[in-house]
């Protein structure tokens, strides 16, 4: 592996991490801000989806 390829890999990893960090921070709820009913509904839907996914994973583990 040459030095240019190594630098390219390290740069790509660093940029991806910083990009994910920035996006998470940008979309995080602001402190003291009130949630709209649409946000609350979306959060509830996501919680239910996670609940069903966990239940499906539990069932498939039992089937093995």
N, C-alpha and C. Protein backbone atom coordinates (compact mmCIF):
# COMPACT_ATOMS: atom_id res chain seq x y z
N UNK A 1 0.86 -1.17 0.00
CA UNK A 1 0.00 0.00 0.00
C UNK A 1 0.91 1.23 0.00
N UNK A 2 0.66 2.11 -0.93
CA UNK A 2 1.51 3.30 -0.98
C UNK A 2 0.96 4.39 -0.06
N UNK A 3 1.75 5.40 0.15
CA UNK A 3 1.42 6.46 1.11
C UNK A 3 0.20 7.27 0.66
N UNK A 4 0.05 7.47 -0.65
CA UNK A 4 -1.10 8.24 -1.14
C UNK A 4 -2.42 7.53 -0.84
N UNK A 5 -2.42 6.23 -1.02
CA UNK A 5 -3.64 5.47 -0.74
C UNK A 5 -3.97 5.49 0.74
N UNK A 6 -2.96 5.37 1.58
CA UNK A 6 -3.16 5.42 3.02
C UNK A 6 -3.73 6.77 3.45
N UNK A 7 -3.19 7.84 2.91
CA UNK A 7 -3.69 9.18 3.23
C UNK A 7 -5.13 9.34 2.76
N UNK A 8 -5.44 8.82 1.58
CA UNK A 8 -6.80 8.91 1.05
C UNK A 8 -7.78 8.17 1.95
N UNK A 9 -7.41 7.00 2.42
CA UNK A 9 -8.28 6.22 3.30
C UNK A 9 -8.51 6.96 4.61
N UNK A 10 -7.43 7.44 5.22
CA UNK A 10 -7.56 8.16 6.50
C UNK A 10 -8.39 9.43 6.34
N UNK A 11 -8.20 10.14 5.24
CA UNK A 11 -8.97 11.36 4.99
C UNK A 11 -10.45 11.03 4.84
N UNK A 12 -10.76 9.97 4.09
CA UNK A 12 -12.16 9.59 3.88
C UNK A 12 -12.83 9.21 5.19
N UNK A 13 -12.13 8.46 6.03
CA UNK A 13 -12.68 8.06 7.33
C UNK A 13 -12.95 9.29 8.19
N UNK A 14 -11.99 10.21 8.23
CA UNK A 14 -12.15 11.41 9.05
C UNK A 14 -13.30 12.28 8.55
N UNK A 15 -13.40 12.46 7.25
CA UNK A 15 -14.47 13.29 6.69
C UNK A 15 -15.83 12.66 6.96
N UNK A 16 -15.94 11.34 6.81
CA UNK A 16 -17.22 10.68 7.07
C UNK A 16 -17.63 10.84 8.53
N UNK A 17 -16.67 10.69 9.45
CA UNK A 17 -17.01 10.85 10.87
C UNK A 17 -17.46 12.26 11.17
N UNK A 18 -16.75 13.25 10.64
CA UNK A 18 -17.12 14.64 10.89
C UNK A 18 -18.48 14.97 10.27
N UNK A 19 -18.75 14.43 9.11
CA UNK A 19 -20.02 14.67 8.44
C UNK A 19 -21.17 14.08 9.25
N UNK A 20 -21.01 12.84 9.73
CA UNK A 20 -22.06 12.23 10.55
C UNK A 20 -22.26 13.01 11.84
N UNK A 21 -21.16 13.44 12.46
CA UNK A 21 -21.26 14.22 13.70
C UNK A 21 -22.03 15.51 13.46
N UNK A 22 -21.72 16.20 12.37
CA UNK A 22 -22.39 17.46 12.06
C UNK A 22 -23.86 17.26 11.76
N UNK A 23 -24.20 16.21 11.03
CA UNK A 23 -25.60 15.97 10.71
C UNK A 23 -26.40 15.63 11.96
N UNK A 24 -25.82 14.79 12.83
CA UNK A 24 -26.50 14.46 14.09
C UNK A 24 -26.72 15.72 14.91
N UNK A 25 -25.71 16.56 14.97
CA UNK A 25 -25.82 17.78 15.77
C UNK A 25 -26.84 18.74 15.17
N UNK A 26 -26.87 18.83 13.84
CA UNK A 26 -27.77 19.75 13.17
C UNK A 26 -29.23 19.33 13.38
N UNK A 27 -29.49 18.03 13.36
CA UNK A 27 -30.86 17.54 13.46
C UNK A 27 -31.29 17.21 14.89
N UNK A 28 -30.42 17.43 15.83
CA UNK A 28 -30.76 17.16 17.23
C UNK A 28 -31.78 18.20 17.70
N UNK A 29 -32.66 17.82 18.61
CA UNK A 29 -33.63 18.79 19.12
C UNK A 29 -32.92 19.91 19.88
N UNK A 30 -33.39 21.11 19.69
CA UNK A 30 -32.80 22.26 20.37
C UNK A 30 -33.26 22.27 21.82
N UNK A 31 -32.39 22.71 22.70
CA UNK A 31 -32.74 22.72 24.12
C UNK A 31 -33.83 23.76 24.36
N UNK A 32 -34.87 23.36 25.06
CA UNK A 32 -35.97 24.26 25.37
C UNK A 32 -36.99 24.40 24.27
N UNK A 33 -36.78 23.79 23.12
CA UNK A 33 -37.73 23.91 22.02
C UNK A 33 -38.87 22.91 22.20
N UNK A 34 -40.07 23.33 21.84
CA UNK A 34 -41.22 22.45 21.95
C UNK A 34 -41.35 21.63 20.67
N UNK A 35 -41.79 20.39 20.83
CA UNK A 35 -41.98 19.52 19.68
C UNK A 35 -43.37 19.74 19.10
N UNK A 36 -43.46 19.65 17.79
CA UNK A 36 -44.76 19.77 17.14
C UNK A 36 -45.46 18.41 17.20
N UNK A 37 -46.74 18.43 16.90
CA UNK A 37 -47.50 17.17 16.93
C UNK A 37 -46.99 16.21 15.85
N UNK A 38 -46.51 16.75 14.74
CA UNK A 38 -45.96 15.90 13.68
C UNK A 38 -44.71 15.19 14.17
N UNK A 39 -43.84 15.91 14.88
CA UNK A 39 -42.63 15.29 15.43
C UNK A 39 -42.98 14.23 16.46
N UNK A 40 -43.96 14.53 17.30
CA UNK A 40 -44.36 13.55 18.32
C UNK A 40 -44.93 12.30 17.67
N UNK A 41 -45.73 12.48 16.61
CA UNK A 41 -46.28 11.33 15.90
C UNK A 41 -45.20 10.50 15.23
N UNK A 42 -44.22 11.17 14.64
CA UNK A 42 -43.12 10.47 13.99
C UNK A 42 -42.30 9.68 15.01
N UNK A 43 -42.06 10.29 16.18
CA UNK A 43 -41.31 9.60 17.23
C UNK A 43 -42.07 8.37 17.73
N UNK A 44 -43.38 8.51 17.86
CA UNK A 44 -44.19 7.37 18.32
C UNK A 44 -44.15 6.24 17.29
N UNK A 45 -44.26 6.59 16.01
CA UNK A 45 -44.19 5.59 14.95
C UNK A 45 -42.85 4.88 14.95
N UNK A 46 -41.78 5.64 15.15
CA UNK A 46 -40.44 5.03 15.19
C UNK A 46 -40.29 4.11 16.39
N UNK A 47 -40.82 4.51 17.53
CA UNK A 47 -40.75 3.65 18.72
C UNK A 47 -41.48 2.34 18.48
N UNK A 48 -42.65 2.42 17.84
CA UNK A 48 -43.41 1.20 17.54
C UNK A 48 -42.66 0.31 16.55
N UNK A 49 -42.02 0.92 15.56
CA UNK A 49 -41.25 0.14 14.58
C UNK A 49 -40.08 -0.57 15.26
N UNK A 50 -39.42 0.12 16.17
CA UNK A 50 -38.31 -0.49 16.91
C UNK A 50 -38.82 -1.63 17.78
N UNK A 51 -39.98 -1.42 18.40
CA UNK A 51 -40.57 -2.46 19.24
C UNK A 51 -40.86 -3.72 18.43
N UNK A 52 -41.44 -3.55 17.24
CA UNK A 52 -41.75 -4.69 16.39
C UNK A 52 -40.48 -5.37 15.89
N UNK A 53 -39.46 -4.59 15.57
CA UNK A 53 -38.20 -5.17 15.10
C UNK A 53 -37.55 -6.00 16.20
N UNK A 54 -37.56 -5.48 17.43
CA UNK A 54 -36.99 -6.24 18.54
C UNK A 54 -37.76 -7.52 18.78
N UNK A 55 -39.09 -7.43 18.68
CA UNK A 55 -39.92 -8.61 18.88
C UNK A 55 -39.62 -9.66 17.80
N UNK A 56 -39.48 -9.21 16.55
CA UNK A 56 -39.17 -10.14 15.47
C UNK A 56 -37.80 -10.78 15.68
N UNK A 57 -36.84 -10.00 16.14
CA UNK A 57 -35.50 -10.54 16.40
C UNK A 57 -35.55 -11.57 17.52
N UNK A 58 -36.34 -11.29 18.55
CA UNK A 58 -36.48 -12.23 19.66
C UNK A 58 -37.08 -13.55 19.19
N UNK A 59 -38.11 -13.45 18.35
CA UNK A 59 -38.79 -14.65 17.85
C UNK A 59 -37.84 -15.47 16.98
N UNK A 60 -37.08 -14.79 16.11
CA UNK A 60 -36.17 -15.54 15.23
C UNK A 60 -35.04 -16.17 16.03
N UNK A 61 -34.61 -15.56 17.12
CA UNK A 61 -33.58 -16.18 17.96
C UNK A 61 -34.11 -17.45 18.60
N UNK A 62 -35.38 -17.45 18.98
CA UNK A 62 -35.97 -18.64 19.59
C UNK A 62 -36.11 -19.77 18.58
N UNK A 63 -36.31 -19.44 17.33
CA UNK A 63 -36.53 -20.45 16.30
C UNK A 63 -35.25 -21.21 15.96
N UNK A 64 -34.09 -20.67 16.26
CA UNK A 64 -32.83 -21.35 15.92
C UNK A 64 -32.59 -22.56 16.75
